[in-house]
Amino acid sequence: ISAALEKEFPELSAVTIKLPLIDHNPIVYLEPNEPLLALLMNDGSIYAIDSAGLALGAINNAEASLLHLIVVQNEGTITIHSGQPVLPSSTVSFIQTIVYQLGQKQITIAKLTIPAAENELDMYLTGQNYYVKFNLADNSPLQEAGTFLAVRQNLQQQGITPSQYIDVRVDSRAYYK
């Protein structure tokens, strides 16, 4: 029964059923997957996404805020069906790592976007006119975050502000425009 419930409801991370010795009623424990991201679609709908990249269901702005979800704007052609995979788990982990690393440096992110281009994450910072391009396929968010922070510090020391973007999609390289 547990396996059937987990298969039918992929938004559950665990289903446990205990049969008591004395009572005739089974005890069912359901553990839902924890939402981590709020994926904002082109049509304005918002979906909660878990660590495995599964769409847990539609939510609204208030729920996303209440759950402290990382809001990511989808500009690509991702289609969503509740209980189905939407993003690779590596993408969810990448986004979490980038947000955490920049949060540790007190850098405020205004917006995260998955553009139509494949395997790219664009990050817009509060108070800046430029954005940062990350490579989702690289799967080294720590290196890309570190590259961005080093380039940002170097540019600030030189009094340079990029007019459009900082691109850290190539390993050990950064470009700005």
Protein backbone atom coordinates (compact mmCIF):
# COMPACT_ATOMS: atom_id res chain seq x y z
CA ILE A 1 0.00 0.00 0.00
CA SER A 2 2.86 2.38 0.86
CA ALA A 3 4.55 1.83 -2.49
CA ALA A 4 1.26 2.32 -4.35
CA LEU A 5 0.59 5.60 -2.51
CA GLU A 6 4.14 6.87 -3.20
CA LYS A 7 3.74 5.97 -6.86
CA GLU A 8 0.34 7.63 -7.16
CA PHE A 9 1.39 10.75 -5.22
CA PRO A 10 5.01 11.62 -6.15
CA GLU A 11 4.77 14.76 -4.00
CA LEU A 12 5.08 12.47 -0.95
CA SER A 13 8.60 11.68 0.17
CA ALA A 14 7.57 8.87 2.53
CA VAL A 15 4.49 6.83 3.35
CA THR A 16 4.49 4.60 6.43
CA ILE A 17 1.63 2.38 7.53
CA LYS A 18 1.56 0.79 10.97
CA LEU A 19 -0.88 -1.92 11.94
CA PRO A 20 -1.54 -1.90 15.68
CA LEU A 21 -1.82 -5.20 17.53
CA ILE A 22 -4.89 -4.26 19.54
CA ASP A 23 -6.81 -1.75 17.40
CA HIS A 24 -8.30 -2.49 13.98
CA ASN A 25 -7.47 0.89 12.44
CA PRO A 26 -4.15 1.29 10.65
CA ILE A 27 -2.05 4.38 11.34
CA VAL A 28 -0.85 6.12 8.16
CA TYR A 29 2.02 8.60 8.23
CA LEU A 30 2.43 10.83 5.18
CA GLU A 31 5.55 12.94 4.72
CA PRO A 32 5.26 15.50 1.92
CA ASN A 33 8.25 16.72 -0.06
CA GLU A 34 9.46 20.12 1.07
CA PRO A 35 9.07 22.89 -1.52
CA LEU A 36 12.29 24.82 -2.19
CA LEU A 37 11.60 26.90 -5.28
CA ALA A 38 8.66 28.86 -6.63
CA LEU A 39 8.76 28.67 -10.42
CA LEU A 40 6.99 31.67 -11.97
CA MET A 41 5.68 30.78 -15.40
CA ASN A 42 5.14 33.07 -18.41
CA ASP A 43 1.36 32.94 -17.90
CA GLY A 44 1.69 34.24 -14.32
CA SER A 45 1.08 30.93 -12.58
CA ILE A 46 3.45 29.84 -9.82
CA TYR A 47 4.41 26.26 -8.95
CA ALA A 48 6.19 24.91 -5.88
CA ILE A 49 9.20 22.76 -6.80
CA ASP A 50 10.94 20.31 -4.46
CA SER A 51 14.61 19.28 -4.24
CA ALA A 52 14.10 16.53 -6.84
CA GLY A 53 12.69 19.07 -9.32
CA LEU A 54 9.11 17.80 -9.05
CA ALA A 55 6.20 20.22 -9.35
CA LEU A 56 4.29 19.90 -6.10
CA GLY A 57 1.37 22.06 -7.21
CA ALA A 58 0.23 25.55 -8.01
CA ILE A 59 0.65 28.22 -5.32
CA ASN A 60 0.17 31.98 -5.12
CA ASN A 61 2.57 34.83 -4.23
CA ALA A 62 1.47 34.89 -0.60
CA GLU A 63 2.15 31.16 -0.18
CA ALA A 64 5.56 31.45 -1.85
CA SER A 65 6.46 34.28 0.51
CA LEU A 66 5.10 32.47 3.57
CA LEU A 67 7.14 29.36 2.72
CA HIS A 68 10.28 31.50 2.05
CA LEU A 69 10.72 29.91 -1.37
CA ILE A 70 13.35 31.05 -3.86
CA VAL A 71 11.37 32.60 -6.72
CA VAL A 72 12.69 31.77 -10.19
CA GLN A 73 11.19 33.27 -13.35
CA ASN A 74 10.87 30.81 -16.23
CA GLU A 75 11.34 32.41 -19.65
CA GLY A 76 11.80 29.12 -21.47
CA THR A 77 9.45 26.45 -22.69
CA ILE A 78 9.12 24.42 -19.50
CA THR A 79 5.74 22.75 -19.20
CA ILE A 80 4.41 21.84 -15.79
CA HIS A 81 2.15 19.07 -14.56
CA SER A 82 1.79 18.53 -10.81
CA GLY A 83 3.74 15.54 -9.57
CA GLN A 84 5.94 15.48 -12.68
CA PRO A 85 9.63 16.43 -12.99
CA VAL A 86 10.08 20.03 -14.12
CA LEU A 87 13.75 20.77 -13.42
CA PRO A 88 16.72 18.47 -12.87
CA SER A 89 17.59 18.07 -9.18
CA SER A 90 21.06 19.42 -10.04
CA THR A 91 19.44 22.70 -11.19
CA VAL A 92 17.51 23.04 -7.92
CA SER A 93 20.69 22.34 -5.94
CA PHE A 94 22.67 24.80 -8.11
CA ILE A 95 20.15 27.59 -7.47
CA GLN A 96 20.09 26.89 -3.73
CA THR A 97 23.89 26.99 -3.54
CA ILE A 98 24.16 30.26 -5.48
CA VAL A 99 21.51 31.94 -3.30
CA TYR A 100 23.16 30.68 -0.11
CA GLN A 101 26.69 31.72 -1.12
CA LEU A 102 25.65 35.23 -2.11
CA GLY A 103 23.50 35.53 1.00
CA GLN A 104 26.60 34.81 3.09
CA LYS A 105 28.21 37.88 1.50
CA GLN A 106 25.07 40.00 2.13
CA ILE A 107 24.44 40.36 -1.60
CA THR A 108 20.73 40.79 -2.27
CA ILE A 109 19.28 39.05 -5.30
CA ALA A 110 16.45 40.95 -6.98
CA LYS A 111 15.47 38.25 -9.47
CA LEU A 112 16.52 34.83 -10.78
CA THR A 113 15.61 33.86 -14.32
CA ILE A 114 15.91 30.70 -16.38
CA PRO A 115 16.05 32.16 -19.90
CA ALA A 116 15.05 30.40 -23.11
CA ALA A 117 18.76 29.60 -23.66
CA GLU A 118 19.60 26.10 -22.46
CA ASN A 119 21.39 25.49 -19.17
CA GLU A 120 21.59 29.12 -18.13
CA LEU A 121 20.59 30.96 -14.97
CA ASP A 122 20.52 34.75 -14.94
CA MET A 123 20.74 36.58 -11.64
CA TYR A 124 19.80 40.24 -11.21
CA LEU A 125 21.17 42.02 -8.15
CA THR A 126 19.36 44.69 -6.17
CA GLY A 127 20.70 48.13 -7.03
CA GLN A 128 22.77 47.01 -10.03
CA ASN A 129 22.19 47.63 -13.74
CA TYR A 130 23.89 44.40 -14.78
CA TYR A 131 23.03 40.74 -14.37
CA VAL A 132 25.15 37.61 -13.90
CA LYS A 133 25.07 34.59 -16.24
CA PHE A 134 25.61 31.14 -14.69
CA ASN A 135 26.03 27.78 -16.42
CA LEU A 136 23.57 25.24 -14.99
CA ALA A 137 25.15 22.36 -16.91
CA ASP A 138 28.52 22.94 -15.28
CA ASN A 139 27.29 21.80 -11.86
CA SER A 140 29.98 23.73 -9.99
CA PRO A 141 27.96 26.49 -8.34
CA LEU A 142 30.63 27.10 -5.70
CA GLN A 143 33.24 27.80 -8.36
CA GLU A 144 30.90 30.02 -10.37
CA ALA A 145 29.80 31.94 -7.26
CA GLY A 146 33.44 32.36 -6.23
CA THR A 147 34.39 33.57 -9.71
CA PHE A 148 31.57 36.10 -9.66
CA LEU A 149 32.49 37.38 -6.19
CA ALA A 150 36.17 37.74 -7.16
CA VAL A 151 35.34 39.56 -10.41
CA ARG A 152 32.85 41.80 -8.64
CA GLN A 153 35.41 42.75 -5.99
CA ASN A 154 38.13 43.35 -8.60
CA LEU A 155 35.84 45.54 -10.71
CA GLN A 156 34.74 47.52 -7.64
CA GLN A 157 38.38 48.14 -6.67
CA GLN A 158 39.04 49.49 -10.17
CA GLY A 159 35.87 51.60 -10.12
CA ILE A 160 34.36 49.69 -13.05
CA THR A 161 30.65 48.84 -13.25
CA PRO A 162 29.52 46.51 -16.03
CA SER A 163 26.85 48.02 -18.24
CA GLN A 164 25.09 44.75 -19.14
CA TYR A 165 26.36 41.54 -17.54
CA ILE A 166 29.07 39.47 -15.90
CA ASP A 167 29.37 36.03 -17.48
CA VAL A 168 30.88 33.22 -15.37
CA ARG A 169 29.66 30.30 -17.51
CA VAL A 170 33.16 29.21 -18.58
CA ASP A 171 35.30 27.49 -15.93
CA SER A 172 37.93 29.75 -14.36
CA ARG A 173 36.96 32.63 -16.68
CA ALA A 174 34.73 35.66 -16.42
CA TYR A 175 33.61 38.17 -19.00
CA TYR A 176 31.80 41.41 -18.56
CA LYS A 177 30.20 43.95 -20.80
